[in-house]
Structure formats: C-alpha cells, structure tokens
Amino acid sequence: MASLNTTEDLYAFLSLTKEDVQQSVIQTAIDTANEIVVAFAPDDGSDRSSRMDTVRKLAEKYLAAAEIFLTFANLFFMSQPPIRILNVLNFGAGADSPTPTELLSSIDRVAEMYHAKGMYWLKRVKPVTTTIRAGS
C-alpha cells in the first residue's frame, strides 16, 4: 500500500521546514508509519475499510510525527556541546538551562504523545469482525 501522506503534509502538520529536518528523514518516518498502519489495519476492500481511509491517513501522520521527533531528539542531543558547570569551592552551578538531557527528555515526551495519538486512531481503523470458517 502506498503512503497516505506526503513529506509536505508532514512539514505542514509539524510546522517544520526542510532546514529543520531533512526530507529523507521525513520520508523514512512516513514509510515506517505506513508499514505499521498496513500491518495493524490493512485495507481489506470492505465498505468500512474504505470509509476509514481518512482515519488511516491520520494515524499514519501521527505515527510518522513520532518517528520524526525520535530521530530529531537523537540528532539534536548528539549535536549539543557538553554541559558547562561552574564549581567554586563547594558550590556548583550549571551554566546551561535547560540542559541537553532535559531537552532530550521533552522531545521524547512529544514523540510519545504523537505515538499514543497515532495508536489511538489506528485502534479505530482495525477490523471489528473476523470471518470464521469451519471445515475445509
């Protein structure tokens, strides 16, 4: 199944630009999110499944956003300089506020929020019935 969202959709959704995150990172996140959507809620050709295309697209968008923020968090964290701490006698004070670790934690929380929201929508798309076949 082809991706339901484009990189432009995700840039607009997250209010990011190509300078913030490379387009290849966005596309990889969309592809990963699409694989999750297809695995958990494939389009089986039923009327219900067709009506859920919009919700499937929304779930993919949120799951891709989570992937983008996880990637962004790691890249951002790795690019930060070490924490500068001033130590005078028995007193120590940090010169960085918030610290890179605090920023990483907050970006991770944003990724978790997007993932939870994506899974919320994905649960609504999942098929509600299954076919039971007896015999051969």
C-alpha atoms as a PDB file:
ATOM      1  CA  MET A   1       0.000   0.000   0.000  1.00  0.00           C
ATOM      2  CA  ALA A   2       1.344   3.410  -0.926  1.00  0.00           C
ATOM      3  CA  SER A   3       1.901   6.009   1.763  1.00  0.00           C
ATOM      4  CA  LEU A   4      -1.141   8.073   2.555  1.00  0.00           C
ATOM      5  CA  ASN A   5       0.808  11.234   3.434  1.00  0.00           C
ATOM      6  CA  THR A   6       3.490  13.185   1.630  1.00  0.00           C
ATOM      7  CA  THR A   7       6.535  14.878   3.087  1.00  0.00           C
ATOM      8  CA  GLU A   8       4.803  18.217   2.507  1.00  0.00           C
ATOM      9  CA  ASP A   9       1.845  17.001   4.595  1.00  0.00           C
ATOM     10  CA  LEU A  10       4.189  16.238   7.494  1.00  0.00           C
ATOM     11  CA  TYR A  11       6.115  19.508   7.184  1.00  0.00           C
ATOM     12  CA  ALA A  12       2.813  21.387   7.355  1.00  0.00           C
ATOM     13  CA  PHE A  13       1.434  19.195  10.158  1.00  0.00           C
ATOM     14  CA  LEU A  14       4.501  19.719  12.346  1.00  0.00           C
ATOM     15  CA  SER A  15       5.222  23.306  11.270  1.00  0.00           C
ATOM     16  CA  LEU A  16       8.735  22.307  10.254  1.00  0.00           C
ATOM     17  CA  THR A  17      10.839  23.248   7.267  1.00  0.00           C
ATOM     18  CA  LYS A  18      13.382  21.380   5.178  1.00  0.00           C
ATOM     19  CA  GLU A  19      16.076  23.255   7.086  1.00  0.00           C
ATOM     20  CA  ASP A  20      14.770  21.800  10.372  1.00  0.00           C
ATOM     21  CA  VAL A  21      14.608  18.164   9.237  1.00  0.00           C
ATOM     22  CA  GLN A  22      15.858  16.624   6.006  1.00  0.00           C
ATOM     23  CA  GLN A  23      13.229  15.415   3.578  1.00  0.00           C
ATOM     24  CA  SER A  24      14.755  11.917   3.562  1.00  0.00           C
ATOM     25  CA  VAL A  25      14.193  11.662   7.339  1.00  0.00           C
ATOM     26  CA  ILE A  26      10.559  12.675   6.863  1.00  0.00           C
ATOM     27  CA  GLN A  27      10.080  10.132   4.057  1.00  0.00           C
ATOM     28  CA  THR A  28      11.651   7.339   6.111  1.00  0.00           C
ATOM     29  CA  ALA A  29       9.311   8.175   9.008  1.00  0.00           C
ATOM     30  CA  ILE A  30       6.296   8.111   6.663  1.00  0.00           C
ATOM     31  CA  ASP A  31       7.371   4.735   5.260  1.00  0.00           C
ATOM     32  CA  THR A  32       7.792   3.282   8.756  1.00  0.00           C
ATOM     33  CA  ALA A  33       4.420   4.639   9.860  1.00  0.00           C
ATOM     34  CA  ASN A  34       2.775   3.247   6.736  1.00  0.00           C
ATOM     35  CA  GLU A  35       4.181  -0.212   7.456  1.00  0.00           C
ATOM     36  CA  ILE A  36       2.639  -0.063  10.939  1.00  0.00           C
ATOM     37  CA  VAL A  37      -0.725   1.070   9.577  1.00  0.00           C
ATOM     38  CA  VAL A  38      -0.747  -1.660   6.926  1.00  0.00           C
ATOM     39  CA  ALA A  39       0.239  -4.311   9.485  1.00  0.00           C
ATOM     40  CA  PHE A  40      -2.412  -3.370  12.044  1.00  0.00           C
ATOM     41  CA  ALA A  41      -5.231  -2.067   9.858  1.00  0.00           C
ATOM     42  CA  PRO A  42      -4.902  -3.175   6.232  1.00  0.00           C
ATOM     43  CA  ASP A  43      -7.388  -2.050   3.624  1.00  0.00           C
ATOM     44  CA  ASP A  44      -9.415  -5.223   3.089  1.00  0.00           C
ATOM     45  CA  GLY A  45     -11.677  -3.733   0.417  1.00  0.00           C
ATOM     46  CA  SER A  46     -14.773  -3.652   2.610  1.00  0.00           C
ATOM     47  CA  ASP A  47     -17.088  -0.652   2.820  1.00  0.00           C
ATOM     48  CA  ARG A  48     -15.990   0.027   6.397  1.00  0.00           C
ATOM     49  CA  SER A  49     -12.341  -0.114   5.406  1.00  0.00           C
ATOM     50  CA  SER A  50     -12.933   2.360   2.572  1.00  0.00           C
ATOM     51  CA  ARG A  51     -14.691   4.760   4.927  1.00  0.00           C
ATOM     52  CA  MET A  52     -11.699   4.578   7.286  1.00  0.00           C
ATOM     53  CA  ASP A  53      -9.146   5.870   4.774  1.00  0.00           C
ATOM     54  CA  THR A  54      -9.180   9.331   6.371  1.00  0.00           C
ATOM     55  CA  VAL A  55      -8.619   7.873   9.832  1.00  0.00           C
ATOM     56  CA  ARG A  56      -5.903   5.573   8.469  1.00  0.00           C
ATOM     57  CA  LYS A  57      -4.189   8.648   6.978  1.00  0.00           C
ATOM     58  CA  LEU A  58      -4.450  10.484  10.308  1.00  0.00           C
ATOM     59  CA  ALA A  59      -2.959   7.529  12.191  1.00  0.00           C
ATOM     60  CA  GLU A  60      -0.081   7.375   9.705  1.00  0.00           C
ATOM     61  CA  LYS A  61       0.516  11.105  10.126  1.00  0.00           C
ATOM     62  CA  TYR A  62       0.748  10.885  13.934  1.00  0.00           C
ATOM     63  CA  LEU A  63       2.940   7.771  13.852  1.00  0.00           C
ATOM     64  CA  ALA A  64       5.267   9.426  11.333  1.00  0.00           C
ATOM     65  CA  ALA A  65       5.439  12.521  13.553  1.00  0.00           C
ATOM     66  CA  ALA A  66       6.513  10.305  16.456  1.00  0.00           C
ATOM     67  CA  GLU A  67       9.286   8.790  14.330  1.00  0.00           C
ATOM     68  CA  ILE A  68      10.438  12.241  13.226  1.00  0.00           C
ATOM     69  CA  PHE A  69      10.654  13.533  16.782  1.00  0.00           C
ATOM     70  CA  LEU A  70      12.557  10.447  17.947  1.00  0.00           C
ATOM     71  CA  THR A  71      15.084  10.982  15.162  1.00  0.00           C
ATOM     72  CA  PHE A  72      15.163  14.724  15.793  1.00  0.00           C
ATOM     73  CA  ALA A  73      15.725  14.184  19.529  1.00  0.00           C
ATOM     74  CA  ASN A  74      18.728  11.937  18.976  1.00  0.00           C
ATOM     75  CA  LEU A  75      20.296  14.177  16.332  1.00  0.00           C
ATOM     76  CA  PHE A  76      19.746  17.255  18.487  1.00  0.00           C
ATOM     77  CA  PHE A  77      21.131  15.591  21.615  1.00  0.00           C
ATOM     78  CA  MET A  78      24.253  14.356  19.833  1.00  0.00           C
ATOM     79  CA  SER A  79      24.963  17.816  18.401  1.00  0.00           C
ATOM     80  CA  GLN A  80      24.877  19.607  21.768  1.00  0.00           C
ATOM     81  CA  PRO A  81      28.103  20.672  23.480  1.00  0.00           C
ATOM     82  CA  PRO A  82      28.893  19.187  26.877  1.00  0.00           C
ATOM     83  CA  ILE A  83      27.233  20.725  29.926  1.00  0.00           C
ATOM     84  CA  ARG A  84      29.156  23.637  31.383  1.00  0.00           C
ATOM     85  CA  ILE A  85      29.297  23.627  35.156  1.00  0.00           C
ATOM     86  CA  LEU A  86      30.927  26.249  37.315  1.00  0.00           C
ATOM     87  CA  ASN A  87      32.485  24.891  40.501  1.00  0.00           C
ATOM     88  CA  VAL A  88      33.720  27.316  43.148  1.00  0.00           C
ATOM     89  CA  LEU A  89      34.796  25.751  46.442  1.00  0.00           C
ATOM     90  CA  ASN A  90      31.797  23.620  47.487  1.00  0.00           C
ATOM     91  CA  PHE A  91      29.272  25.378  45.256  1.00  0.00           C
ATOM     92  CA  GLY A  92      28.407  24.146  41.737  1.00  0.00           C
ATOM     93  CA  ALA A  93      26.089  25.859  39.295  1.00  0.00           C
ATOM     94  CA  GLY A  94      25.126  24.816  35.769  1.00  0.00           C
ATOM     95  CA  ALA A  95      25.502  27.383  33.027  1.00  0.00           C
ATOM     96  CA  ASP A  96      23.101  25.571  30.688  1.00  0.00           C
ATOM     97  CA  SER A  97      19.408  25.737  31.280  1.00  0.00           C
ATOM     98  CA  PRO A  98      17.671  23.652  30.148  1.00  0.00           C
ATOM     99  CA  THR A  99      20.368  21.014  29.858  1.00  0.00           C
ATOM    100  CA  PRO A 100      20.675  18.865  26.746  1.00  0.00           C
ATOM    101  CA  THR A 101      19.307  15.938  28.761  1.00  0.00           C
ATOM    102  CA  GLU A 102      16.232  17.948  29.752  1.00  0.00           C
ATOM    103  CA  LEU A 103      15.691  18.931  26.121  1.00  0.00           C
ATOM    104  CA  LEU A 104      16.063  15.313  25.004  1.00  0.00           C
ATOM    105  CA  SER A 105      13.507  14.261  27.605  1.00  0.00           C
ATOM    106  CA  SER A 106      10.990  16.882  26.487  1.00  0.00           C
ATOM    107  CA  ILE A 107      11.377  15.995  22.795  1.00  0.00           C
ATOM    108  CA  ASP A 108      10.966  12.309  23.698  1.00  0.00           C
ATOM    109  CA  ARG A 109       7.724  13.169  25.515  1.00  0.00           C
ATOM    110  CA  VAL A 110       6.443  14.912  22.390  1.00  0.00           C
ATOM    111  CA  ALA A 111       7.295  11.781  20.368  1.00  0.00           C
ATOM    112  CA  GLU A 112       5.449   9.618  22.904  1.00  0.00           C
ATOM    113  CA  MET A 113       2.403  11.889  22.666  1.00  0.00           C
ATOM    114  CA  TYR A 114       2.339  11.646  18.866  1.00  0.00           C
ATOM    115  CA  HIS A 115       2.780   7.863  19.048  1.00  0.00           C
ATOM    116  CA  ALA A 116      -0.066   7.494  21.549  1.00  0.00           C
ATOM    117  CA  LYS A 117      -2.336   9.638  19.398  1.00  0.00           C
ATOM    118  CA  GLY A 118      -1.420   7.614  16.292  1.00  0.00           C
ATOM    119  CA  MET A 119      -2.175   4.344  18.071  1.00  0.00           C
ATOM    120  CA  TYR A 120      -5.475   5.818  19.305  1.00  0.00           C
ATOM    121  CA  TRP A 121      -6.570   6.463  15.716  1.00  0.00           C
ATOM    122  CA  LEU A 122      -5.142   3.180  14.488  1.00  0.00           C
ATOM    123  CA  LYS A 123      -7.261   1.251  17.001  1.00  0.00           C
ATOM    124  CA  ARG A 124     -10.367   2.815  15.446  1.00  0.00           C
ATOM    125  CA  VAL A 125      -9.389   1.566  11.989  1.00  0.00           C
ATOM    126  CA  LYS A 126      -8.734  -2.038  12.989  1.00  0.00           C
ATOM    127  CA  PRO A 127     -11.279  -4.510  11.672  1.00  0.00           C
ATOM    128  CA  VAL A 128     -14.010  -5.156  14.235  1.00  0.00           C
ATOM    129  CA  THR A 129     -15.037  -8.574  12.952  1.00  0.00           C
ATOM    130  CA  THR A 130     -13.299 -11.634  11.613  1.00  0.00           C
ATOM    131  CA  THR A 131     -14.537 -14.413   9.400  1.00  0.00           C
ATOM    132  CA  ILE A 132     -14.700 -17.842  10.989  1.00  0.00           C
ATOM    133  CA  ARG A 133     -14.561 -20.749   8.570  1.00  0.00           C
ATOM    134  CA  ALA A 134     -15.251 -24.298   9.608  1.00  0.00           C
ATOM    135  CA  GLY A 135     -14.142 -27.328   7.651  1.00  0.00           C
ATOM    136  CA  SER A 136     -12.014 -27.320   4.568  1.00  0.00           C
END
